[in-house]
C-alpha atoms as a PDB file:
ATOM      1  CA  MET A   1      -1.335  -7.219 -13.268  1.00  0.00           C
ATOM      2  CA  HIS A   2       1.351  -8.340 -15.994  1.00  0.00           C
ATOM      3  CA  ILE A   3       1.200  -4.992 -17.229  1.00  0.00           C
ATOM      4  CA  ARG A   4       1.657  -3.513 -13.749  1.00  0.00           C
ATOM      5  CA  ALA A   5       4.768  -5.577 -13.107  1.00  0.00           C
ATOM      6  CA  ALA A   6       6.343  -4.619 -15.998  1.00  0.00           C
ATOM      7  CA  ARG A   7       5.537  -0.706 -15.563  1.00  0.00           C
ATOM      8  CA  LEU A   8       6.969  -0.693 -12.444  1.00  0.00           C
ATOM      9  CA  ALA A   9      10.085  -2.896 -13.457  1.00  0.00           C
ATOM     10  CA  ASN A  10      10.535  -0.129 -16.670  1.00  0.00           C
ATOM     11  CA  GLU A  11      10.395   2.626 -14.316  1.00  0.00           C
ATOM     12  CA  ARG A  12      12.855   1.711 -11.532  1.00  0.00           C
ATOM     13  CA  HIS A  13      15.321  -0.841 -13.122  1.00  0.00           C
ATOM     14  CA  LYS A  14      15.356   0.102 -16.857  1.00  0.00           C
ATOM     15  CA  GLU A  15      14.486  -3.308 -17.694  1.00  0.00           C
ATOM     16  CA  GLY A  16      13.043  -2.341 -20.933  1.00  0.00           C
ATOM     17  CA  ILE A  17      10.498  -4.373 -21.172  1.00  0.00           C
ATOM     18  CA  ARG A  18       8.286  -4.258 -24.647  1.00  0.00           C
ATOM     19  CA  VAL A  19       5.232  -5.737 -25.561  1.00  0.00           C
ATOM     20  CA  GLY A  20       5.807  -9.107 -26.961  1.00  0.00           C
ATOM     21  CA  ASP A  21       8.740  -9.473 -24.427  1.00  0.00           C
ATOM     22  CA  LYS A  22       8.978 -13.362 -22.272  1.00  0.00           C
ATOM     23  CA  ILE A  23       8.771 -11.638 -18.803  1.00  0.00           C
ATOM     24  CA  LYS A  24       8.545 -13.451 -15.777  1.00  0.00           C
ATOM     25  CA  MET A  25       6.246 -11.688 -12.717  1.00  0.00           C
ATOM     26  CA  VAL A  26       7.330 -12.521  -8.786  1.00  0.00           C
ATOM     27  CA  PHE A  27       4.644 -11.555  -6.152  1.00  0.00           C
ATOM     28  CA  ILE A  28       6.840  -8.936  -3.542  1.00  0.00           C
ATOM     29  CA  LYS A  29       5.886  -7.634  -0.183  1.00  0.00           C
ATOM     30  CA  GLY A  30       5.462  -4.185   0.091  1.00  0.00           C
ATOM     31  CA  GLU A  31       3.488  -1.130  -1.179  1.00  0.00           C
ATOM     32  CA  ASP A  32       3.936  -2.647  -5.124  1.00  0.00           C
ATOM     33  CA  ASP A  33       2.556  -5.845  -5.049  1.00  0.00           C
ATOM     34  CA  VAL A  34       4.192  -7.906  -7.957  1.00  0.00           C
ATOM     35  CA  ILE A  35       7.471  -6.961 -10.105  1.00  0.00           C
ATOM     36  CA  ALA A  36       8.523  -8.233 -13.786  1.00  0.00           C
ATOM     37  CA  PHE A  37      11.752  -8.876 -14.773  1.00  0.00           C
ATOM     38  CA  LYS A  38      13.506 -10.724 -17.762  1.00  0.00           C
ATOM     39  CA  ASP A  39      16.166 -12.740 -16.746  1.00  0.00           C
ATOM     40  CA  LYS A  40      17.275 -11.890 -13.287  1.00  0.00           C
ATOM     41  CA  MET A  41      14.988 -10.608 -10.369  1.00  0.00           C
ATOM     42  CA  PRO A  42      15.860  -6.990  -8.486  1.00  0.00           C
ATOM     43  CA  SER A  43      17.712  -7.920  -5.825  1.00  0.00           C
ATOM     44  CA  ASP A  44      16.023  -5.072  -3.238  1.00  0.00           C
ATOM     45  CA  TYR A  45      12.519  -6.941  -3.502  1.00  0.00           C
ATOM     46  CA  GLU A  46      10.955  -9.534  -0.565  1.00  0.00           C
ATOM     47  CA  ILE A  47       9.139 -12.391  -2.230  1.00  0.00           C
ATOM     48  CA  ASP A  48       5.897 -12.735  -1.010  1.00  0.00           C
ATOM     49  CA  TYR A  49       6.002 -16.694  -0.695  1.00  0.00           C
ATOM     50  CA  ASP A  50       1.994 -16.644   0.633  1.00  0.00           C
ATOM     51  CA  ASN A  51       1.097 -14.860  -2.080  1.00  0.00           C
ATOM     52  CA  MET A  52       2.689 -16.906  -4.646  1.00  0.00           C
ATOM     53  CA  ILE A  53       1.480 -19.481  -3.171  1.00  0.00           C
ATOM     54  CA  ARG A  54      -2.011 -18.733  -3.108  1.00  0.00           C
ATOM     55  CA  ARG A  55      -2.251 -16.902  -6.735  1.00  0.00           C
ATOM     56  CA  ILE A  56      -0.400 -19.720  -8.134  1.00  0.00           C
ATOM     57  CA  VAL A  57      -1.661 -22.942  -6.505  1.00  0.00           C
ATOM     58  CA  ASP A  58      -4.391 -22.436  -4.444  1.00  0.00           C
ATOM     59  CA  LEU A  59      -6.629 -20.731  -7.347  1.00  0.00           C
ATOM     60  CA  LYS A  60      -5.715 -23.454  -9.323  1.00  0.00           C
ATOM     61  CA  ILE A  61      -6.326 -26.591  -7.157  1.00  0.00           C
ATOM     62  CA  GLU A  62      -9.633 -25.176  -5.138  1.00  0.00           C
ATOM     63  CA  PRO A  63     -12.387 -26.293  -7.799  1.00  0.00           C
ATOM     64  CA  ILE A  64     -10.670 -29.952  -7.705  1.00  0.00           C
ATOM     65  CA  PHE A  65     -10.658 -29.732  -3.605  1.00  0.00           C
ATOM     66  CA  LYS A  66     -14.383 -28.961  -3.998  1.00  0.00           C
ATOM     67  CA  SER A  67     -15.026 -31.816  -6.362  1.00  0.00           C
ATOM     68  CA  LEU A  68     -13.589 -34.082  -3.656  1.00  0.00           C
ATOM     69  CA  ASN A  69     -15.678 -32.551  -0.932  1.00  0.00           C
ATOM     70  CA  TRP A  70     -12.677 -31.011   0.310  1.00  0.00           C
ATOM     71  CA  ASP A  71     -12.138 -27.958   2.688  1.00  0.00           C
ATOM     72  CA  ILE A  72      -9.261 -26.046   1.449  1.00  0.00           C
ATOM     73  CA  LYS A  73      -9.363 -23.283   4.047  1.00  0.00           C
ATOM     74  CA  LYS A  74      -9.831 -25.862   6.893  1.00  0.00           C
ATOM     75  CA  LYS A  75      -5.900 -27.314   6.166  1.00  0.00           C
ATOM     76  CA  LYS A  76      -3.191 -26.623   9.156  1.00  0.00           C
ATOM     77  CA  SER A  77      -0.554 -26.907   6.415  1.00  0.00           C
ATOM     78  CA  ARG A  78      -0.263 -28.131   2.590  1.00  0.00           C
ATOM     79  CA  LYS A  79       2.297 -30.696   3.615  1.00  0.00           C
ATOM     80  CA  SER A  80       0.024 -32.210   6.771  1.00  0.00           C
ATOM     81  CA  TYR A  81      -2.911 -31.751   4.412  1.00  0.00           C
ATOM     82  CA  ILE A  82      -1.220 -34.016   1.654  1.00  0.00           C
ATOM     83  CA  GLN A  83       0.365 -36.494   4.473  1.00  0.00           C
ATOM     84  CA  THR A  84      -3.476 -36.762   5.646  1.00  0.00           C
ATOM     85  CA  HIS A  85      -5.137 -37.346   2.087  1.00  0.00           C
ATOM     86  CA  GLN A  86      -2.245 -39.116   1.169  1.00  0.00           C
ATOM     87  CA  LYS A  87      -4.559 -42.684   0.213  1.00  0.00           C
ATOM     88  CA  THR A  88      -6.818 -40.346  -1.405  1.00  0.00           C
ATOM     89  CA  LEU A  89      -4.316 -38.789  -3.451  1.00  0.00           C
ATOM     90  CA  LEU A  90      -2.220 -41.760  -5.000  1.00  0.00           C
END
């Protein structure tokens, strides 16, 4: 995925990303679902926050939820879920 993101950034924005460079990646809305950049994200993209949260947070905490017998897919919102289980989390 990071290779596709870097390639897209190089082709469209002349980012100059090479092997070994430190890059940042952001999931975006549209046909190309990810973009990479070195310093500043190009402004002509809309960040896909739902996908960012799913990939970065949900996939990491899912094993923890399973071990506590919590159903991550049933939650109404992260905030309400945390409020409901706050005593367990602390």
